[in-house]
Every structure is written in C-alpha cells, then in structure tokens.
Amino acid sequence: MVVVCDRFGQTQAKQDFERSRLQYDEAVRNKDYQLAQLGISLSAIEDKLASLPIVRSLTILLPK
C-alpha cells in the first residue's frame, strides 16, 4: 500500500499533531494545578489537626 501525502495532507497532519500536543500540555497543567491544590488542602487539614489538644498529646506519645 502506498500512501501519498500532498502538501495539504502534511499541513493538516502537523496541525492535528500540534492541537493534540497543546491539549495534552493543558491536561498536564490542569493535573499539576489540581495536585497543588490538594497539597494545600492537605496541609491546611494537617495544621488544623495539629492544633487539636488530643492530637497534640498523641503526637507526643507516638514515636517518630
């Protein structure tokens, strides 16, 4: 089977590839942002837990 690509086909393929790459890059940025937000949320939860007297007393008793 022989595939002949004309100039238009090559241009279209490049545009499709670039569009896919940009969509992938955007998806990666979105996931990175979500992970950062999750990290911030977890830090806030840890801070709140650490301020509870019962948790503070338990952390003193537990080995690290």
PDB file of N, CA and C in Angstrom:
ATOM      1  N   MET A   1       0.845  -1.180   0.000  1.00  0.00           N
ATOM      2  CA  MET A   1       0.000   0.000   0.000  1.00  0.00           C
ATOM      3  C   MET A   1       0.889   1.241   0.000  1.00  0.00           C
ATOM      4  N   VAL A   2       0.635   2.133  -0.869  1.00  0.00           N
ATOM      5  CA  VAL A   2       1.402   3.365  -0.985  1.00  0.00           C
ATOM      6  C   VAL A   2       0.513   4.520  -0.556  1.00  0.00           C
ATOM      7  N   VAL A   3       1.046   5.331   0.378  1.00  0.00           N
ATOM      8  CA  VAL A   3       0.307   6.497   0.848  1.00  0.00           C
ATOM      9  C   VAL A   3       0.988   7.729   0.291  1.00  0.00           C
ATOM     10  N   VAL A   4       0.241   8.524  -0.401  1.00  0.00           N
ATOM     11  CA  VAL A   4       0.777   9.755  -0.977  1.00  0.00           C
ATOM     12  C   VAL A   4       0.240  10.916  -0.158  1.00  0.00           C
ATOM     13  N   CYS A   5       1.144  11.698   0.404  1.00  0.00           N
ATOM     14  CA  CYS A   5       0.743  12.880   1.169  1.00  0.00           C
ATOM     15  C   CYS A   5       1.037  14.110   0.330  1.00  0.00           C
ATOM     16  N   ASP A   6       0.038  14.874   0.115  1.00  0.00           N
ATOM     17  CA  ASP A   6       0.267  16.134  -0.558  1.00  0.00           C
ATOM     18  C   ASP A   6       0.583  17.209   0.475  1.00  0.00           C
ATOM     19  N   ARG A   7       0.853  18.374   0.025  1.00  0.00           N
ATOM     20  CA  ARG A   7       1.222  19.477   0.915  1.00  0.00           C
ATOM     21  C   ARG A   7       0.098  19.749   1.924  1.00  0.00           C
ATOM     22  N   PHE A   8      -1.154  19.693   1.473  1.00  0.00           N
ATOM     23  CA  PHE A   8      -2.296  19.933   2.354  1.00  0.00           C
ATOM     24  C   PHE A   8      -2.381  18.852   3.433  1.00  0.00           C
ATOM     25  N   GLY A   9      -2.176  17.601   3.038  1.00  0.00           N
ATOM     26  CA  GLY A   9      -2.231  16.496   3.995  1.00  0.00           C
ATOM     27  C   GLY A   9      -1.157  16.621   5.063  1.00  0.00           C
ATOM     28  N   GLN A  10       0.030  17.031   4.666  1.00  0.00           N
ATOM     29  CA  GLN A  10       1.115  17.216   5.628  1.00  0.00           C
ATOM     30  C   GLN A  10       0.792  18.366   6.573  1.00  0.00           C
ATOM     31  N   THR A  11       0.285  19.448   6.025  1.00  0.00           N
ATOM     32  CA  THR A  11      -0.072  20.604   6.844  1.00  0.00           C
ATOM     33  C   THR A  11      -1.174  20.236   7.830  1.00  0.00           C
ATOM     34  N   GLN A  12      -2.172  19.505   7.349  1.00  0.00           N
ATOM     35  CA  GLN A  12      -3.278  19.089   8.220  1.00  0.00           C
ATOM     36  C   GLN A  12      -2.769  18.157   9.319  1.00  0.00           C
ATOM     37  N   ALA A  13      -1.889  17.246   8.968  1.00  0.00           N
ATOM     38  CA  ALA A  13      -1.337  16.317   9.956  1.00  0.00           C
ATOM     39  C   ALA A  13      -0.532  17.066  11.014  1.00  0.00           C
ATOM     40  N   LYS A  14       0.235  18.033  10.591  1.00  0.00           N
ATOM     41  CA  LYS A  14       1.013  18.841  11.540  1.00  0.00           C
ATOM     42  C   LYS A  14       0.087  19.623  12.466  1.00  0.00           C
ATOM     43  N   GLN A  15      -0.965  20.195  11.900  1.00  0.00           N
ATOM     44  CA  GLN A  15      -1.919  20.948  12.719  1.00  0.00           C
ATOM     45  C   GLN A  15      -2.619  20.032  13.722  1.00  0.00           C
ATOM     46  N   ASP A  16      -2.991  18.840  13.266  1.00  0.00           N
ATOM     47  CA  ASP A  16      -3.637  17.885  14.173  1.00  0.00           C
ATOM     48  C   ASP A  16      -2.694  17.479  15.298  1.00  0.00           C
ATOM     49  N   PHE A  17      -1.434  17.227  14.933  1.00  0.00           N
ATOM     50  CA  PHE A  17      -0.446  16.850  15.927  1.00  0.00           C
ATOM     51  C   PHE A  17      -0.239  17.977  16.942  1.00  0.00           C
ATOM     52  N   GLU A  18      -0.108  19.192  16.451  1.00  0.00           N
ATOM     53  CA  GLU A  18       0.105  20.353  17.328  1.00  0.00           C
ATOM     54  C   GLU A  18      -1.102  20.568  18.248  1.00  0.00           C
ATOM     55  N   ARG A  19      -2.295  20.403  17.717  1.00  0.00           N
ATOM     56  CA  ARG A  19      -3.509  20.542  18.520  1.00  0.00           C
ATOM     57  C   ARG A  19      -3.525  19.482  19.626  1.00  0.00           C
ATOM     58  N   SER A  20      -3.175  18.256  19.274  1.00  0.00           N
ATOM     59  CA  SER A  20      -3.134  17.183  20.271  1.00  0.00           C
ATOM     60  C   SER A  20      -2.088  17.465  21.340  1.00  0.00           C
ATOM     61  N   ARG A  21      -0.931  17.965  20.907  1.00  0.00           N
ATOM     62  CA  ARG A  21       0.133  18.279  21.867  1.00  0.00           C
ATOM     63  C   ARG A  21      -0.294  19.391  22.817  1.00  0.00           C
ATOM     64  N   LEU A  22      -0.954  20.409  22.284  1.00  0.00           N
ATOM     65  CA  LEU A  22      -1.428  21.510  23.123  1.00  0.00           C
ATOM     66  C   LEU A  22      -2.489  21.039  24.115  1.00  0.00           C
ATOM     67  N   GLN A  23      -3.369  20.150  23.661  1.00  0.00           N
ATOM     68  CA  GLN A  23      -4.384  19.597  24.560  1.00  0.00           C
ATOM     69  C   GLN A  23      -3.737  18.775  25.666  1.00  0.00           C
ATOM     70  N   TYR A  24      -2.722  17.998  25.317  1.00  0.00           N
ATOM     71  CA  TYR A  24      -2.003  17.200  26.314  1.00  0.00           C
ATOM     72  C   TYR A  24      -1.306  18.117  27.318  1.00  0.00           C
ATOM     73  N   ASP A  25      -0.626  19.141  26.816  1.00  0.00           N
ATOM     74  CA  ASP A  25       0.053  20.093  27.700  1.00  0.00           C
ATOM     75  C   ASP A  25      -0.927  20.746  28.663  1.00  0.00           C
ATOM     76  N   GLU A  26      -2.092  21.111  28.161  1.00  0.00           N
ATOM     77  CA  GLU A  26      -3.110  21.731  29.007  1.00  0.00           C
ATOM     78  C   GLU A  26      -3.600  20.746  30.070  1.00  0.00           C
ATOM     79  N   ALA A  27      -3.795  19.499  29.686  1.00  0.00           N
ATOM     80  CA  ALA A  27      -4.241  18.483  30.642  1.00  0.00           C
ATOM     81  C   ALA A  27      -3.203  18.277  31.741  1.00  0.00           C
ATOM     82  N   VAL A  28      -1.931  18.284  31.370  1.00  0.00           N
ATOM     83  CA  VAL A  28      -0.863  18.139  32.366  1.00  0.00           C
ATOM     84  C   VAL A  28      -0.858  19.336  33.311  1.00  0.00           C
ATOM     85  N   ARG A  29      -1.006  20.537  32.773  1.00  0.00           N
ATOM     86  CA  ARG A  29      -1.054  21.737  33.627  1.00  0.00           C
ATOM     87  C   ARG A  29      -2.239  21.672  34.589  1.00  0.00           C
ATOM     88  N   ASN A  30      -3.391  21.233  34.084  1.00  0.00           N
ATOM     89  CA  ASN A  30      -4.572  21.123  34.941  1.00  0.00           C
ATOM     90  C   ASN A  30      -4.350  20.117  36.063  1.00  0.00           C
ATOM     91  N   LYS A  31      -3.742  18.976  35.746  1.00  0.00           N
ATOM     92  CA  LYS A  31      -3.468  17.966  36.780  1.00  0.00           C
ATOM     93  C   LYS A  31      -2.463  18.498  37.797  1.00  0.00           C
ATOM     94  N   ASP A  32      -1.434  19.191  37.323  1.00  0.00           N
ATOM     95  CA  ASP A  32      -0.455  19.783  38.241  1.00  0.00           C
ATOM     96  C   ASP A  32      -1.126  20.778  39.187  1.00  0.00           C
ATOM     97  N   TYR A  33      -2.031  21.584  38.639  1.00  0.00           N
ATOM     98  CA  TYR A  33      -2.757  22.555  39.447  1.00  0.00           C
ATOM     99  C   TYR A  33      -3.620  21.842  40.489  1.00  0.00           C
ATOM    100  N   GLN A  34      -4.320  20.792  40.053  1.00  0.00           N
ATOM    101  CA  GLN A  34      -5.165  20.043  40.983  1.00  0.00           C
ATOM    102  C   GLN A  34      -4.332  19.410  42.099  1.00  0.00           C
ATOM    103  N   LEU A  35      -3.176  18.878  41.748  1.00  0.00           N
ATOM    104  CA  LEU A  35      -2.294  18.281  42.762  1.00  0.00           C
ATOM    105  C   LEU A  35      -1.784  19.340  43.738  1.00  0.00           C
ATOM    106  N   ALA A  36      -1.460  20.512  43.231  1.00  0.00           N
ATOM    107  CA  ALA A  36      -1.013  21.599  44.107  1.00  0.00           C
ATOM    108  C   ALA A  36      -2.133  22.012  45.055  1.00  0.00           C
ATOM    109  N   GLN A  37      -3.349  22.132  44.528  1.00  0.00           N
ATOM    110  CA  GLN A  37      -4.488  22.493  45.375  1.00  0.00           C
ATOM    111  C   GLN A  37      -4.729  21.422  46.439  1.00  0.00           C
ATOM    112  N   LEU A  38      -4.601  20.174  46.058  1.00  0.00           N
ATOM    113  CA  LEU A  38      -4.771  19.079  47.013  1.00  0.00           C
ATOM    114  C   LEU A  38      -3.711  19.155  48.104  1.00  0.00           C
ATOM    115  N   GLY A  39      -2.480  19.446  47.717  1.00  0.00           N
ATOM    116  CA  GLY A  39      -1.408  19.592  48.701  1.00  0.00           C
ATOM    117  C   GLY A  39      -1.690  20.715  49.679  1.00  0.00           C
ATOM    118  N   ILE A  40      -2.202  21.828  49.175  1.00  0.00           N
ATOM    119  CA  ILE A  40      -2.558  22.958  50.037  1.00  0.00           C
ATOM    120  C   ILE A  40      -3.671  22.550  50.996  1.00  0.00           C
ATOM    121  N   SER A  41      -4.671  21.856  50.464  1.00  0.00           N
ATOM    122  CA  SER A  41      -5.788  21.415  51.302  1.00  0.00           C
ATOM    123  C   SER A  41      -5.314  20.451  52.388  1.00  0.00           C
ATOM    124  N   LEU A  42      -4.451  19.510  52.015  1.00  0.00           N
ATOM    125  CA  LEU A  42      -3.944  18.555  52.999  1.00  0.00           C
ATOM    126  C   LEU A  42      -3.109  19.242  54.070  1.00  0.00           C
ATOM    127  N   SER A  43      -2.339  20.227  53.677  1.00  0.00           N
ATOM    128  CA  SER A  43      -1.553  20.982  54.651  1.00  0.00           C
ATOM    129  C   SER A  43      -2.456  21.714  55.629  1.00  0.00           C
ATOM    130  N   ALA A  44      -3.518  22.293  55.105  1.00  0.00           N
ATOM    131  CA  ALA A  44      -4.457  23.009  55.966  1.00  0.00           C
ATOM    132  C   ALA A  44      -5.126  22.046  56.948  1.00  0.00           C
ATOM    133  N   ILE A  45      -5.478  20.864  56.474  1.00  0.00           N
ATOM    134  CA  ILE A  45      -6.095  19.861  57.352  1.00  0.00           C
ATOM    135  C   ILE A  45      -5.105  19.410  58.422  1.00  0.00           C
ATOM    136  N   GLU A  46      -3.863  19.168  58.021  1.00  0.00           N
ATOM    137  CA  GLU A  46      -2.836  18.767  58.990  1.00  0.00           C
ATOM    138  C   GLU A  46      -2.642  19.844  60.052  1.00  0.00           C
ATOM    139  N   ASP A  47      -2.616  21.105  59.627  1.00  0.00           N
ATOM    140  CA  ASP A  47      -2.458  22.206  60.580  1.00  0.00           C
ATOM    141  C   ASP A  47      -3.618  22.240  61.576  1.00  0.00           C
ATOM    142  N   LYS A  48      -4.821  22.051  61.068  1.00  0.00           N
ATOM    143  CA  LYS A  48      -5.983  22.060  61.965  1.00  0.00           C
ATOM    144  C   LYS A  48      -5.950  20.880  62.926  1.00  0.00           C
ATOM    145  N   LEU A  49      -5.575  19.714  62.424  1.00  0.00           N
ATOM    146  CA  LEU A  49      -5.476  18.544  63.300  1.00  0.00           C
ATOM    147  C   LEU A  49      -4.403  18.738  64.365  1.00  0.00           C
ATOM    148  N   ALA A  50      -3.297  19.312  63.962  1.00  0.00           N
ATOM    149  CA  ALA A  50      -2.197  19.515  64.906  1.00  0.00           C
ATOM    150  C   ALA A  50      -2.583  20.478  66.020  1.00  0.00           C
ATOM    151  N   SER A  51      -3.545  21.333  65.766  1.00  0.00           N
ATOM    152  CA  SER A  51      -3.944  22.302  66.788  1.00  0.00           C
ATOM    153  C   SER A  51      -4.928  21.711  67.802  1.00  0.00           C
ATOM    154  N   LEU A  52      -5.481  20.537  67.520  1.00  0.00           N
ATOM    155  CA  LEU A  52      -6.405  19.904  68.458  1.00  0.00           C
ATOM    156  C   LEU A  52      -5.626  19.317  69.638  1.00  0.00           C
ATOM    157  N   PRO A  53      -6.072  19.575  70.857  1.00  0.00           N
ATOM    158  CA  PRO A  53      -5.323  19.102  72.029  1.00  0.00           C
ATOM    159  C   PRO A  53      -5.113  17.587  72.042  1.00  0.00           C
ATOM    160  N   ILE A  54      -6.120  16.813  71.672  1.00  0.00           N
ATOM    161  CA  ILE A  54      -5.977  15.361  71.720  1.00  0.00           C
ATOM    162  C   ILE A  54      -4.924  14.884  70.724  1.00  0.00           C
ATOM    163  N   VAL A  55      -4.886  15.503  69.567  1.00  0.00           N
ATOM    164  CA  VAL A  55      -3.904  15.126  68.550  1.00  0.00           C
ATOM    165  C   VAL A  55      -2.506  15.520  69.006  1.00  0.00           C
ATOM    166  N   ARG A  56      -2.383  16.697  69.603  1.00  0.00           N
ATOM    167  CA  ARG A  56      -1.073  17.130  70.107  1.00  0.00           C
ATOM    168  C   ARG A  56      -0.557  16.171  71.152  1.00  0.00           C
ATOM    169  N   SER A  57      -1.420  15.716  72.059  1.00  0.00           N
ATOM    170  CA  SER A  57      -0.969  14.810  73.109  1.00  0.00           C
ATOM    171  C   SER A  57      -0.606  13.449  72.517  1.00  0.00           C
ATOM    172  N   LEU A  58      -1.319  13.004  71.497  1.00  0.00           N
ATOM    173  CA  LEU A  58      -0.990  11.737  70.865  1.00  0.00           C
ATOM    174  C   LEU A  58       0.344  11.793  70.125  1.00  0.00           C
ATOM    175  N   THR A  59       0.616  12.906  69.501  1.00  0.00           N
ATOM    176  CA  THR A  59       1.880  13.002  68.757  1.00  0.00           C
ATOM    177  C   THR A  59       3.069  13.013  69.692  1.00  0.00           C
ATOM    178  N   ILE A  60       2.874  13.464  70.905  1.00  0.00           N
ATOM    179  CA  ILE A  60       3.961  13.442  71.886  1.00  0.00           C
ATOM    180  C   ILE A  60       4.248  11.985  72.309  1.00  0.00           C
ATOM    181  N   LEU A  61       3.198  11.180  72.404  1.00  0.00           N
ATOM    182  CA  LEU A  61       3.335   9.807  72.858  1.00  0.00           C
ATOM    183  C   LEU A  61       3.829   8.858  71.775  1.00  0.00           C
ATOM    184  N   LEU A  62       3.524   9.155  70.543  1.00  0.00           N
ATOM    185  CA  LEU A  62       3.883   8.255  69.449  1.00  0.00           C
ATOM    186  C   LEU A  62       5.325   8.485  68.998  1.00  0.00           C
ATOM    187  N   PRO A  63       6.054   7.373  68.745  1.00  0.00           N
ATOM    188  CA  PRO A  63       7.419   7.541  68.231  1.00  0.00           C
ATOM    189  C   PRO A  63       7.392   8.016  66.784  1.00  0.00           C
ATOM    190  N   LYS A  64       8.420   8.714  66.390  1.00  0.00           N
ATOM    191  CA  LYS A  64       8.500   9.226  65.014  1.00  0.00           C
ATOM    192  C   LYS A  64       9.130   8.205  64.102  1.00  0.00           C
TER     193      LYS A  64
END
